[in-house]
Structure formats: C-alpha cells, structure tokens
Amino acid sequence: GFTQEGEYFVCKLHKSLYELKQSPRAWNQKLNVFLKNIEFVRSDAD
C-alpha cells in the first residue's frame, strides 16, 4: 500500500517492531535501564 508500481524502496527502522527477533531484547534492555533509574535492583536469582 506504500509502494508504487515499478518503484522499490526500503525503510530504515529507528525503533523495534513486532516480529523482529531483536524486539524482546530491546524492550527488556530499555525496561531494565528504567527500573535501575528508579532504584530497582535486578535479582541475581532470577
């Protein structure tokens, strides 16, 4: 729906999307940084 006949373009992603294999890790890293900033500590056990 965003393509025109005879033209081929690609999009560079700036944020993760569903179905990217990197998405769960990117989300988890962002959440960990946020929680650390508000004084939460990650458990060594889990």
ModelCIF file with pLDDT and N, C-alpha, C, O atoms, coordinates in Angstrom:
data_MODEL
#
_entry.id   MODEL 
#
_entity.id                         1 
_entity.type                       polymer 
_entity.pdbx_number_of_molecules   1 
#
_entity_poly.entity_id                      1 
_entity_poly.type                           'polypeptide(L)' 
_entity_poly.nstd_linkage                   no 
_entity_poly.nstd_monomer                   no 
_entity_poly.pdbx_seq_one_letter_code       GFTQEGEYFVCKLHKSLYELKQSPRAWNQKLNVFLKNIEFVRSDAD 
_entity_poly.pdbx_seq_one_letter_code_can   GFTQEGEYFVCKLHKSLYELKQSPRAWNQKLNVFLKNIEFVRSDAD 
_entity_poly.pdbx_strand_id                 A 
#
loop_
_entity_poly_seq.entity_id 
_entity_poly_seq.num 
_entity_poly_seq.mon_id 
_entity_poly_seq.hetero 
1 1  GLY n 
1 2  PHE n 
1 3  THR n 
1 4  GLN n 
1 5  GLU n 
1 6  GLY n 
1 7  GLU n 
1 8  TYR n 
1 9  PHE n 
1 10 VAL n 
1 11 CYS n 
1 12 LYS n 
1 13 LEU n 
1 14 HIS n 
1 15 LYS n 
1 16 SER n 
1 17 LEU n 
1 18 TYR n 
1 19 GLU n 
1 20 LEU n 
1 21 LYS n 
1 22 GLN n 
1 23 SER n 
1 24 PRO n 
1 25 ARG n 
1 26 ALA n 
1 27 TRP n 
1 28 ASN n 
1 29 GLN n 
1 30 LYS n 
1 31 LEU n 
1 32 ASN n 
1 33 VAL n 
1 34 PHE n 
1 35 LEU n 
1 36 LYS n 
1 37 ASN n 
1 38 ILE n 
1 39 GLU n 
1 40 PHE n 
1 41 VAL n 
1 42 ARG n 
1 43 SER n 
1 44 ASP n 
1 45 ALA n 
1 46 ASP n 
#
_struct_asym.id          A 
_struct_asym.entity_id   1 
#
loop_
_ma_qa_metric.id 
_ma_qa_metric.mode 
_ma_qa_metric.name 
_ma_qa_metric.software_group_id 
_ma_qa_metric.type 
1 global pLDDT . pLDDT 
2 local  pLDDT . pLDDT 
#
_ma_qa_metric_global.metric_id      1 
_ma_qa_metric_global.metric_value   85.02 
_ma_qa_metric_global.model_id       1 
_ma_qa_metric_global.ordinal_id     1 
#
loop_
_ma_qa_metric_local.label_asym_id 
_ma_qa_metric_local.label_comp_id 
_ma_qa_metric_local.label_seq_id 
_ma_qa_metric_local.metric_id 
_ma_qa_metric_local.metric_value 
_ma_qa_metric_local.model_id 
_ma_qa_metric_local.ordinal_id 
A GLY 1  2 78.00 1 1  
A PHE 2  2 77.00 1 2  
A THR 3  2 69.00 1 3  
A GLN 4  2 72.00 1 4  
A GLU 5  2 76.00 1 5  
A GLY 6  2 75.00 1 6  
A GLU 7  2 77.00 1 7  
A TYR 8  2 78.00 1 8  
A PHE 9  2 81.00 1 9  
A VAL 10 2 86.00 1 10 
A CYS 11 2 85.00 1 11 
A LYS 12 2 88.00 1 12 
A LEU 13 2 86.00 1 13 
A HIS 14 2 81.00 1 14 
A LYS 15 2 80.00 1 15 
A SER 16 2 81.00 1 16 
A LEU 17 2 77.00 1 17 
A TYR 18 2 76.00 1 18 
A GLU 19 2 76.00 1 19 
A LEU 20 2 81.00 1 20 
A LYS 21 2 82.00 1 21 
A GLN 22 2 82.00 1 22 
A SER 23 2 80.00 1 23 
A PRO 24 2 81.00 1 24 
A ARG 25 2 82.00 1 25 
A ALA 26 2 83.00 1 26 
A TRP 27 2 84.00 1 27 
A ASN 28 2 86.00 1 28 
A GLN 29 2 87.00 1 29 
A LYS 30 2 87.00 1 30 
A LEU 31 2 89.00 1 31 
A ASN 32 2 91.00 1 32 
A VAL 33 2 93.00 1 33 
A PHE 34 2 92.00 1 34 
A LEU 35 2 94.00 1 35 
A LYS 36 2 95.00 1 36 
A ASN 37 2 96.00 1 37 
A ILE 38 2 95.00 1 38 
A GLU 39 2 94.00 1 39 
A PHE 40 2 96.00 1 40 
A VAL 41 2 96.00 1 41 
A ARG 42 2 94.00 1 42 
A SER 43 2 94.00 1 43 
A ASP 44 2 93.00 1 44 
A ALA 45 2 93.00 1 45 
A ASP 46 2 92.00 1 46 
#
loop_
_atom_site.group_PDB 
_atom_site.id 
_atom_site.type_symbol 
_atom_site.label_atom_id 
_atom_site.label_alt_id 
_atom_site.label_comp_id 
_atom_site.label_asym_id 
_atom_site.label_entity_id 
_atom_site.label_seq_id 
_atom_site.pdbx_PDB_ins_code 
_atom_site.Cartn_x 
_atom_site.Cartn_y 
_atom_site.Cartn_z 
_atom_site.occupancy 
_atom_site.B_iso_or_equiv 
_atom_site.pdbx_formal_charge 
_atom_site.auth_seq_id 
_atom_site.auth_comp_id 
_atom_site.auth_asym_id 
_atom_site.auth_atom_id 
_atom_site.pdbx_PDB_model_num 
ATOM 1   N N  . GLY A 1 1  ? 0.804  -1.209  0.000   1.00 78.00 ? 1  GLY A N  1 
ATOM 2   C CA . GLY A 1 1  ? 0.000  0.000   0.000   1.00 78.00 ? 1  GLY A CA 1 
ATOM 3   C C  . GLY A 1 1  ? 0.844  1.269   0.000   1.00 78.00 ? 1  GLY A C  1 
ATOM 4   O O  . GLY A 1 1  ? 0.333  2.357   -0.265  1.00 78.00 ? 1  GLY A O  1 
ATOM 5   N N  . PHE A 1 2  ? 2.131  1.134   0.295   1.00 77.00 ? 2  PHE A N  1 
ATOM 6   C CA . PHE A 1 2  ? 3.029  2.280   0.290   1.00 77.00 ? 2  PHE A CA 1 
ATOM 7   C C  . PHE A 1 2  ? 3.972  2.249   -0.904  1.00 77.00 ? 2  PHE A C  1 
ATOM 8   O O  . PHE A 1 2  ? 4.836  3.116   -1.039  1.00 77.00 ? 2  PHE A O  1 
ATOM 9   N N  . THR A 1 3  ? 3.815  1.272   -1.757  1.00 69.00 ? 3  THR A N  1 
ATOM 10  C CA . THR A 1 3  ? 4.697  1.158   -2.915  1.00 69.00 ? 3  THR A CA 1 
ATOM 11  C C  . THR A 1 3  ? 3.965  1.625   -4.162  1.00 69.00 ? 3  THR A C  1 
ATOM 12  O O  . THR A 1 3  ? 2.739  1.555   -4.246  1.00 69.00 ? 3  THR A O  1 
ATOM 13  N N  . GLN A 1 4  ? 4.736  2.100   -5.122  1.00 72.00 ? 4  GLN A N  1 
ATOM 14  C CA . GLN A 1 4  ? 4.186  2.462   -6.426  1.00 72.00 ? 4  GLN A CA 1 
ATOM 15  C C  . GLN A 1 4  ? 4.734  1.469   -7.431  1.00 72.00 ? 4  GLN A C  1 
ATOM 16  O O  . GLN A 1 4  ? 5.864  0.997   -7.305  1.00 72.00 ? 4  GLN A O  1 
ATOM 17  N N  . GLU A 1 5  ? 3.945  1.164   -8.404  1.00 76.00 ? 5  GLU A N  1 
ATOM 18  C CA . GLU A 1 5  ? 4.350  0.187   -9.403  1.00 76.00 ? 5  GLU A CA 1 
ATOM 19  C C  . GLU A 1 5  ? 5.673  0.603   -10.049 1.00 76.00 ? 5  GLU A C  1 
ATOM 20  O O  . GLU A 1 5  ? 5.831  1.746   -10.479 1.00 76.00 ? 5  GLU A O  1 
ATOM 21  N N  . GLY A 1 6  ? 6.601  -0.317  -10.109 1.00 75.00 ? 6  GLY A N  1 
ATOM 22  C CA . GLY A 1 6  ? 7.894  -0.063  -10.727 1.00 75.00 ? 6  GLY A CA 1 
ATOM 23  C C  . GLY A 1 6  ? 8.926  0.556   -9.799  1.00 75.00 ? 6  GLY A C  1 
ATOM 24  O O  . GLY A 1 6  ? 10.088 0.694   -10.183 1.00 75.00 ? 6  GLY A O  1 
ATOM 25  N N  . GLU A 1 7  ? 8.538  0.927   -8.602  1.00 77.00 ? 7  GLU A N  1 
ATOM 26  C CA . GLU A 1 7  ? 9.490  1.511   -7.656  1.00 77.00 ? 7  GLU A CA 1 
ATOM 27  C C  . GLU A 1 7  ? 9.655  0.584   -6.456  1.00 77.00 ? 7  GLU A C  1 
ATOM 28  O O  . GLU A 1 7  ? 8.703  -0.047  -5.996  1.00 77.00 ? 7  GLU A O  1 
ATOM 29  N N  . TYR A 1 8  ? 10.875 0.521   -5.972  1.00 78.00 ? 8  TYR A N  1 
ATOM 30  C CA . TYR A 1 8  ? 11.163 -0.339  -4.833  1.00 78.00 ? 8  TYR A CA 1 
ATOM 31  C C  . TYR A 1 8  ? 11.956 0.456   -3.807  1.00 78.00 ? 8  TYR A C  1 
ATOM 32  O O  . TYR A 1 8  ? 13.049 0.939   -4.100  1.00 78.00 ? 8  TYR A O  1 
ATOM 33  N N  . PHE A 1 9  ? 11.415 0.588   -2.623  1.00 81.00 ? 9  PHE A N  1 
ATOM 34  C CA . PHE A 1 9  ? 12.083 1.318   -1.551  1.00 81.00 ? 9  PHE A CA 1 
ATOM 35  C C  . PHE A 1 9  ? 12.158 0.440   -0.318  1.00 81.00 ? 9  PHE A C  1 
ATOM 36  O O  . PHE A 1 9  ? 11.402 -0.520  -0.173  1.00 81.00 ? 9  PHE A O  1 
ATOM 37  N N  . VAL A 1 10 ? 13.071 0.778   0.560   1.00 86.00 ? 10 VAL A N  1 
ATOM 38  C CA . VAL A 1 10 ? 13.149 0.112   1.856   1.00 86.00 ? 10 VAL A CA 1 
ATOM 39  C C  . VAL A 1 10 ? 13.032 1.171   2.947   1.00 86.00 ? 10 VAL A C  1 
ATOM 40  O O  . VAL A 1 10 ? 13.249 2.357   2.699   1.00 86.00 ? 10 VAL A O  1 
ATOM 41  N N  . CYS A 1 11 ? 12.693 0.738   4.137   1.00 85.00 ? 11 CYS A N  1 
ATOM 42  C CA . CYS A 1 11 ? 12.578 1.633   5.282   1.00 85.00 ? 11 CYS A CA 1 
ATOM 43  C C  . CYS A 1 11 ? 13.660 1.290   6.294   1.00 85.00 ? 11 CYS A C  1 
ATOM 44  O O  . CYS A 1 11 ? 13.907 0.115   6.566   1.00 85.00 ? 11 CYS A O  1 
ATOM 45  N N  . LYS A 1 12 ? 14.297 2.293   6.844   1.00 88.00 ? 12 LYS A N  1 
ATOM 46  C CA . LYS A 1 12 ? 15.258 2.095   7.923   1.00 88.00 ? 12 LYS A CA 1 
ATOM 47  C C  . LYS A 1 12 ? 14.500 2.255   9.235   1.00 88.00 ? 12 LYS A C  1 
ATOM 48  O O  . LYS A 1 12 ? 13.851 3.277   9.460   1.00 88.00 ? 12 LYS A O  1 
ATOM 49  N N  . LEU A 1 13 ? 14.580 1.260   10.092  1.00 86.00 ? 13 LEU A N  1 
ATOM 50  C CA . LEU A 1 13 ? 13.860 1.301   11.358  1.00 86.00 ? 13 LEU A CA 1 
ATOM 51  C C  . LEU A 1 13 ? 14.654 2.067   12.410  1.00 86.00 ? 13 LEU A C  1 
ATOM 52  O O  . LEU A 1 13 ? 15.870 1.914   12.527  1.00 86.00 ? 13 LEU A O  1 
ATOM 53  N N  . HIS A 1 14 ? 13.951 2.882   13.161  1.00 81.00 ? 14 HIS A N  1 
ATOM 54  C CA . HIS A 1 14 ? 14.566 3.605   14.270  1.00 81.00 ? 14 HIS A CA 1 
ATOM 55  C C  . HIS A 1 14 ? 14.173 2.979   15.609  1.00 81.00 ? 14 HIS A C  1 
ATOM 56  O O  . HIS A 1 14 ? 14.875 3.158   16.604  1.00 81.00 ? 14 HIS A O  1 
ATOM 57  N N  . LYS A 1 15 ? 13.078 2.260   15.638  1.00 80.00 ? 15 LYS A N  1 
ATOM 58  C CA . LYS A 1 15 ? 12.575 1.575   16.830  1.00 80.00 ? 15 LYS A CA 1 
ATOM 59  C C  . LYS A 1 15 ? 12.247 0.138   16.443  1.00 80.00 ? 15 LYS A C  1 
ATOM 60  O O  . LYS A 1 15 ? 12.100 -0.189  15.265  1.00 80.00 ? 15 LYS A O  1 
ATOM 61  N N  . SER A 1 16 ? 12.136 -0.705  17.453  1.00 81.00 ? 16 SER A N  1 
ATOM 62  C CA . SER A 1 16 ? 11.818 -2.099  17.173  1.00 81.00 ? 16 SER A CA 1 
ATOM 63  C C  . SER A 1 16 ? 10.347 -2.251  16.775  1.00 81.00 ? 16 SER A C  1 
ATOM 64  O O  . SER A 1 16 ? 9.515  -1.392  17.065  1.00 81.00 ? 16 SER A O  1 
ATOM 65  N N  . LEU A 1 17 ? 10.059 -3.337  16.121  1.00 77.00 ? 17 LEU A N  1 
ATOM 66  C CA . LEU A 1 17 ? 8.705  -3.683  15.698  1.00 77.00 ? 17 LEU A CA 1 
ATOM 67  C C  . LEU A 1 17 ? 8.397  -5.101  16.149  1.00 77.00 ? 17 LEU A C  1 
ATOM 68  O O  . LEU A 1 17 ? 9.305  -5.880  16.437  1.00 77.00 ? 17 LEU A O  1 
ATOM 69  N N  . TYR A 1 18 ? 7.127  -5.427  16.210  1.00 76.00 ? 18 TYR A N  1 
ATOM 70  C CA . TYR A 1 18 ? 6.758  -6.808  16.469  1.00 76.00 ? 18 TYR A CA 1 
ATOM 71  C C  . TYR A 1 18 ? 7.324  -7.678  15.352  1.00 76.00 ? 18 TYR A C  1 
ATOM 72  O O  . TYR A 1 18 ? 7.481  -7.233  14.215  1.00 76.00 ? 18 TYR A O  1 
ATOM 73  N N  . GLU A 1 19 ? 7.623  -8.908  15.694  1.00 76.00 ? 19 GLU A N  1 
ATOM 74  C CA . GLU A 1 19 ? 8.152  -9.917  14.778  1.00 76.00 ? 19 GLU A CA 1 
ATOM 75  C C  . GLU A 1 19 ? 9.631  -9.760  14.460  1.00 76.00 ? 19 GLU A C  1 
ATOM 76  O O  . GLU A 1 19 ? 10.176 -10.597 13.740  1.00 76.00 ? 19 GLU A O  1 
ATOM 77  N N  . LEU A 1 20 ? 10.301 -8.739  14.955  1.00 81.00 ? 20 LEU A N  1 
ATOM 78  C CA . LEU A 1 20 ? 11.751 -8.675  14.828  1.00 81.00 ? 20 LEU A CA 1 
ATOM 79  C C  . LEU A 1 20 ? 12.345 -9.556  15.919  1.00 81.00 ? 20 LEU A C  1 
ATOM 80  O O  . LEU A 1 20 ? 11.871 -9.542  17.055  1.00 81.00 ? 20 LEU A O  1 
ATOM 81  N N  . LYS A 1 21 ? 13.357 -10.307 15.590  1.00 82.00 ? 21 LYS A N  1 
ATOM 82  C CA . LYS A 1 21 ? 13.957 -11.156 16.623  1.00 82.00 ? 21 LYS A CA 1 
ATOM 83  C C  . LYS A 1 21 ? 14.660 -10.312 17.688  1.00 82.00 ? 21 LYS A C  1 
ATOM 84  O O  . LYS A 1 21 ? 14.890 -10.801 18.795  1.00 82.00 ? 21 LYS A O  1 
ATOM 85  N N  . GLN A 1 22 ? 15.003 -9.068  17.387  1.00 82.00 ? 22 GLN A N  1 
ATOM 86  C CA . GLN A 1 22 ? 15.670 -8.177  18.333  1.00 82.00 ? 22 GLN A CA 1 
ATOM 87  C C  . GLN A 1 22 ? 14.692 -7.499  19.310  1.00 82.00 ? 22 GLN A C  1 
ATOM 88  O O  . GLN A 1 22 ? 15.118 -6.967  20.336  1.00 82.00 ? 22 GLN A O  1 
ATOM 89  N N  . SER A 1 23 ? 13.399 -7.514  19.002  1.00 80.00 ? 23 SER A N  1 
ATOM 90  C CA . SER A 1 23 ? 12.422 -6.745  19.771  1.00 80.00 ? 23 SER A CA 1 
ATOM 91  C C  . SER A 1 23 ? 12.346 -7.118  21.249  1.00 80.00 ? 23 SER A C  1 
ATOM 92  O O  . SER A 1 23 ? 12.377 -6.220  22.092  1.00 80.00 ? 23 SER A O  1 
ATOM 93  N N  . PRO A 1 24 ? 12.247 -8.401  21.604  1.00 81.00 ? 24 PRO A N  1 
ATOM 94  C CA . PRO A 1 24 ? 12.167 -8.716  23.036  1.00 81.00 ? 24 PRO A CA 1 
ATOM 95  C C  . PRO A 1 24 ? 13.395 -8.238  23.817  1.00 81.00 ? 24 PRO A C  1 
ATOM 96  O O  . PRO A 1 24 ? 13.263 -7.719  24.925  1.00 81.00 ? 24 PRO A O  1 
ATOM 97  N N  . ARG A 1 25 ? 14.567 -8.412  23.249  1.00 82.00 ? 25 ARG A N  1 
ATOM 98  C CA . ARG A 1 25 ? 15.799 -7.985  23.932  1.00 82.00 ? 25 ARG A CA 1 
ATOM 99  C C  . ARG A 1 25 ? 15.856 -6.455  24.052  1.00 82.00 ? 25 ARG A C  1 
ATOM 100 O O  . ARG A 1 25 ? 16.249 -5.927  25.092  1.00 82.00 ? 25 ARG A O  1 
ATOM 101 N N  . ALA A 1 26 ? 15.464 -5.751  22.987  1.00 83.00 ? 26 ALA A N  1 
ATOM 102 C CA . ALA A 1 26 ? 15.480 -4.285  23.011  1.00 83.00 ? 26 ALA A CA 1 
ATOM 103 C C  . ALA A 1 26 ? 14.522 -3.761  24.089  1.00 83.00 ? 26 ALA A C  1 
ATOM 104 O O  . ALA A 1 26 ? 14.857 -2.834  24.826  1.00 83.00 ? 26 ALA A O  1 
ATOM 105 N N  . TRP A 1 27 ? 13.347 -4.351  24.173  1.00 84.00 ? 27 TRP A N  1 
ATOM 106 C CA . TRP A 1 27 ? 12.371 -3.957  25.195  1.00 84.00 ? 27 TRP A CA 1 
ATOM 107 C C  . TRP A 1 27 ? 12.921 -4.241  26.591  1.00 84.00 ? 27 TRP A C  1 
ATOM 108 O O  . TRP A 1 27 ? 12.824 -3.394  27.479  1.00 84.00 ? 27 TRP A O  1 
ATOM 109 N N  . ASN A 1 28 ? 13.493 -5.418  26.786  1.00 86.00 ? 28 ASN A N  1 
ATOM 110 C CA . ASN A 1 28 ? 13.997 -5.805  28.089  1.00 86.00 ? 28 ASN A CA 1 
ATOM 111 C C  . ASN A 1 28 ? 15.125 -4.880  28.542  1.00 86.00 ? 28 ASN A C  1 
ATOM 112 O O  . ASN A 1 28 ? 15.190 -4.507  29.714  1.00 86.00 ? 28 ASN A O  1 
ATOM 113 N N  . GLN A 1 29 ? 16.003 -4.514  27.627  1.00 87.00 ? 29 GLN A N  1 
ATOM 114 C CA . GLN A 1 29 ? 17.091 -3.599  27.978  1.00 87.00 ? 29 GLN A CA 1 
ATOM 115 C C  . GLN A 1 29 ? 16.552 -2.227  28.382  1.00 87.00 ? 29 GLN A C  1 
ATOM 116 O O  . GLN A 1 29 ? 17.019 -1.630  29.352  1.00 87.00 ? 29 GLN A O  1 
ATOM 117 N N  . LYS A 1 30 ? 15.578 -1.739  27.639  1.00 87.00 ? 30 LYS A N  1 
ATOM 118 C CA . LYS A 1 30 ? 15.004 -0.427  27.957  1.00 87.00 ? 30 LYS A CA 1 
ATOM 119 C C  . LYS A 1 30 ? 14.306 -0.456  29.315  1.00 87.00 ? 30 LYS A C  1 
ATOM 120 O O  . LYS A 1 30 ? 14.432 0.486   30.098  1.00 87.00 ? 30 LYS A O  1 
ATOM 121 N N  . LEU A 1 31 ? 13.575 -1.525  29.595  1.00 89.00 ? 31 LEU A N  1 
ATOM 122 C CA . LEU A 1 31 ? 12.896 -1.661  30.876  1.00 89.00 ? 31 LEU A CA 1 
ATOM 123 C C  . LEU A 1 31 ? 13.905 -1.748  32.015  1.00 89.00 ? 31 LEU A C  1 
ATOM 124 O O  . LEU A 1 31 ? 13.716 -1.119  33.057  1.00 89.00 ? 31 LEU A O  1 
ATOM 125 N N  . ASN A 1 32 ? 14.978 -2.523  31.830  1.00 91.00 ? 32 ASN A N  1 
ATOM 126 C CA . ASN A 1 32 ? 15.996 -2.653  32.873  1.00 91.00 ? 32 ASN A CA 1 
ATOM 127 C C  . ASN A 1 32 ? 16.640 -1.313  33.214  1.00 91.00 ? 32 ASN A C  1 
ATOM 128 O O  . ASN A 1 32 ? 16.866 -1.013  34.386  1.00 91.00 ? 32 ASN A O  1 
ATOM 129 N N  . VAL A 1 33 ? 16.934 -0.516  32.206  1.00 93.00 ? 33 VAL A N  1 
ATOM 130 C CA . VAL A 1 33 ? 17.525 0.808   32.436  1.00 93.00 ? 33 VAL A CA 1 
ATOM 131 C C  . VAL A 1 33 ? 16.540 1.688   33.209  1.00 93.00 ? 33 VAL A C  1 
ATOM 132 O O  . VAL A 1 33 ? 16.932 2.376   34.151  1.00 93.00 ? 33 VAL A O  1 
ATOM 133 N N  . PHE A 1 34 ? 15.279 1.668   32.820  1.00 92.00 ? 34 PHE A N  1 
ATOM 134 C CA . PHE A 1 34 ? 14.263 2.465   33.509  1.00 92.00 ? 34 PHE A CA 1 
ATOM 135 C C  . PHE A 1 34 ? 14.140 2.053   34.974  1.00 92.00 ? 34 PHE A C  1 
ATOM 136 O O  . PHE A 1 34 ? 14.141 2.902   35.866  1.00 92.00 ? 34 PHE A O  1 
ATOM 137 N N  . LEU A 1 35 ? 14.035 0.744   35.217  1.00 94.00 ? 35 LEU A N  1 
ATOM 138 C CA . LEU A 1 35 ? 13.879 0.271   36.596  1.00 94.00 ? 35 LEU A CA 1 
ATOM 139 C C  . LEU A 1 35 ? 15.113 0.594   37.444  1.00 94.00 ? 35 LEU A C  1 
ATOM 140 O O  . LEU A 1 35 ? 14.994 0.926   38.623  1.00 94.00 ? 35 LEU A O  1 
ATOM 141 N N  . LYS A 1 36 ? 16.274 0.497   36.846  1.00 95.00 ? 36 LYS A N  1 
ATOM 142 C CA . LYS A 1 36 ? 17.508 0.842   37.563  1.00 95.00 ? 36 LYS A CA 1 
ATOM 143 C C  . LYS A 1 36 ? 17.500 2.328   37.931  1.00 95.00 ? 36 LYS A C  1 
ATOM 144 O O  . LYS A 1 36 ? 17.923 2.699   39.026  1.00 95.00 ? 36 LYS A O  1 
ATOM 145 N N  . ASN A 1 37 ? 17.025 3.170   37.024  1.00 96.00 ? 37 ASN A N  1 
ATOM 146 C CA . ASN A 1 37 ? 16.962 4.618   37.281  1.00 96.00 ? 37 ASN A CA 1 
ATOM 147 C C  . ASN A 1 37 ? 16.010 4.979   38.415  1.00 96.00 ? 37 ASN A C  1 
ATOM 148 O O  . ASN A 1 37 ? 16.164 6.030   39.038  1.00 96.00 ? 37 ASN A O  1 
ATOM 149 N N  . ILE A 1 38 ? 15.031 4.122   38.693  1.00 95.00 ? 38 ILE A N  1 
ATOM 150 C CA . ILE A 1 38 ? 14.110 4.395   39.804  1.00 95.00 ? 38 ILE A CA 1 
ATOM 151 C C  . ILE A 1 38 ? 14.410 3.490   41.001  1.00 95.00 ? 38 ILE A C  1 
ATOM 152 O O  . ILE A 1 38 ? 13.533 3.164   41.800  1.00 95.00 ? 38 ILE A O  1 
ATOM 153 N N  . GLU A 1 39 ? 15.713 3.091   41.092  1.00 94.00 ? 39 GLU A N  1 
ATOM 154 C CA . GLU A 1 39 ? 16.238 2.418   42.287  1.00 94.00 ? 39 GLU A CA 1 
ATOM 155 C C  . GLU A 1 39 ? 15.864 0.945   42.437  1.00 94.00 ? 39 GLU A C  1 
ATOM 156 O O  . GLU A 1 39 ? 15.978 0.400   43.535  1.00 94.00 ? 39 GLU A O  1 
ATOM 157 N N  . PHE A 1 40 ? 15.424 0.292   41.375  1.00 96.00 ? 40 PHE A N  1 
ATOM 158 C CA . PHE A 1 40 ? 15.196 -1.157  41.440  1.00 96.00 ? 40 PHE A CA 1 
ATOM 159 C C  . PHE A 1 40 ? 16.486 -1.873  41.093  1.00 96.00 ? 40 PHE A C  1 
ATOM 160 O O  . PHE A 1 40 ? 17.261 -1.412  40.255  1.00 96.00 ? 40 PHE A O  1 
ATOM 161 N N  . VAL A 1 41 ? 16.711 -3.009  41.747  1.00 96.00 ? 41 VAL A N  1 
ATOM 162 C CA . VAL A 1 41 ? 17.893 -3.832  41.514  1.00 96.00 ? 41 VAL A CA 1 
ATOM 163 C C  . VAL A 1 41 ? 17.428 -5.175  40.978  1.00 96.00 ? 41 VAL A C  1 
ATOM 164 O O  . VAL A 1 41 ? 16.462 -5.756  41.472  1.00 96.00 ? 41 VAL A O  1 
ATOM 165 N N  . ARG A 1 42 ? 18.119 -5.652  39.975  1.00 94.00 ? 42 ARG A N  1 
ATOM 166 C CA . ARG A 1 42 ? 17.785 -6.937  39.373  1.00 94.00 ? 42 ARG A CA 1 
ATOM 167 C C  . ARG A 1 42 ? 18.230 -8.073  40.300  1.00 94.00 ? 42 ARG A C  1 
ATOM 168 O O  . ARG A 1 42 ? 19.338 -8.048  40.836  1.00 94.00 ? 42 ARG A O  1 
ATOM 169 N N  . SER A 1 43 ? 17.378 -9.041  40.478  1.00 94.00 ? 43 SER A N  1 
ATOM 170 C CA . SER A 1 43 ? 17.696 -10.189 41.324  1.00 94.00 ? 43 SER A CA 1 
ATOM 171 C C  . SER A 1 43 ? 18.767 -11.054 40.664  1.00 94.00 ? 43 SER A C  1 
ATOM 172 O O  . SER A 1 43 ? 18.724 -11.291 39.457  1.00 94.00 ? 43 SER A O  1 
ATOM 173 N N  . ASP A 1 44 ? 19.723 -11.520 41.457  1.00 93.00 ? 44 ASP A N  1 
ATOM 174 C CA . ASP A 1 44 ? 20.734 -12.447 40.937  1.00 93.00 ? 44 ASP A CA 1 
ATOM 175 C C  . ASP A 1 44 ? 20.138 -13.826 40.690  1.00 93.00 ? 44 ASP A C  1 
ATOM 176 O O  . ASP A 1 44 ? 20.602 -14.567 39.824  1.00 93.00 ? 44 ASP A O  1 
ATOM 177 N N  . ALA A 1 45 ? 19.112 -14.164 41.454  1.00 93.00 ? 45 ALA A N  1 
ATOM 178 C CA . ALA A 1 45 ? 18.491 -15.487 41.334  1.00 93.00 ? 45 ALA A CA 1 
ATOM 179 C C  . ALA A 1 45 ? 17.608 -15.602 40.094  1.00 93.00 ? 45 ALA A C  1 
ATOM 180 O O  . ALA A 1 45 ? 17.524 -16.667 39.482  1.00 93.00 ? 45 ALA A O  1 
ATOM 181 N N  . ASP A 1 46 ? 16.951 -14.500 39.725  1.00 92.00 ? 46 ASP A N  1 
ATOM 182 C CA . ASP A 1 46 ? 16.054 -14.515 38.566  1.00 92.00 ? 46 ASP A CA 1 
ATOM 183 C C  . ASP A 1 46 ? 16.074 -13.127 37.937  1.00 92.00 ? 46 ASP A C  1 
ATOM 184 O O  . ASP A 1 46 ? 15.391 -12.892 36.940  1.00 92.00 ? 46 ASP A O  1 
#
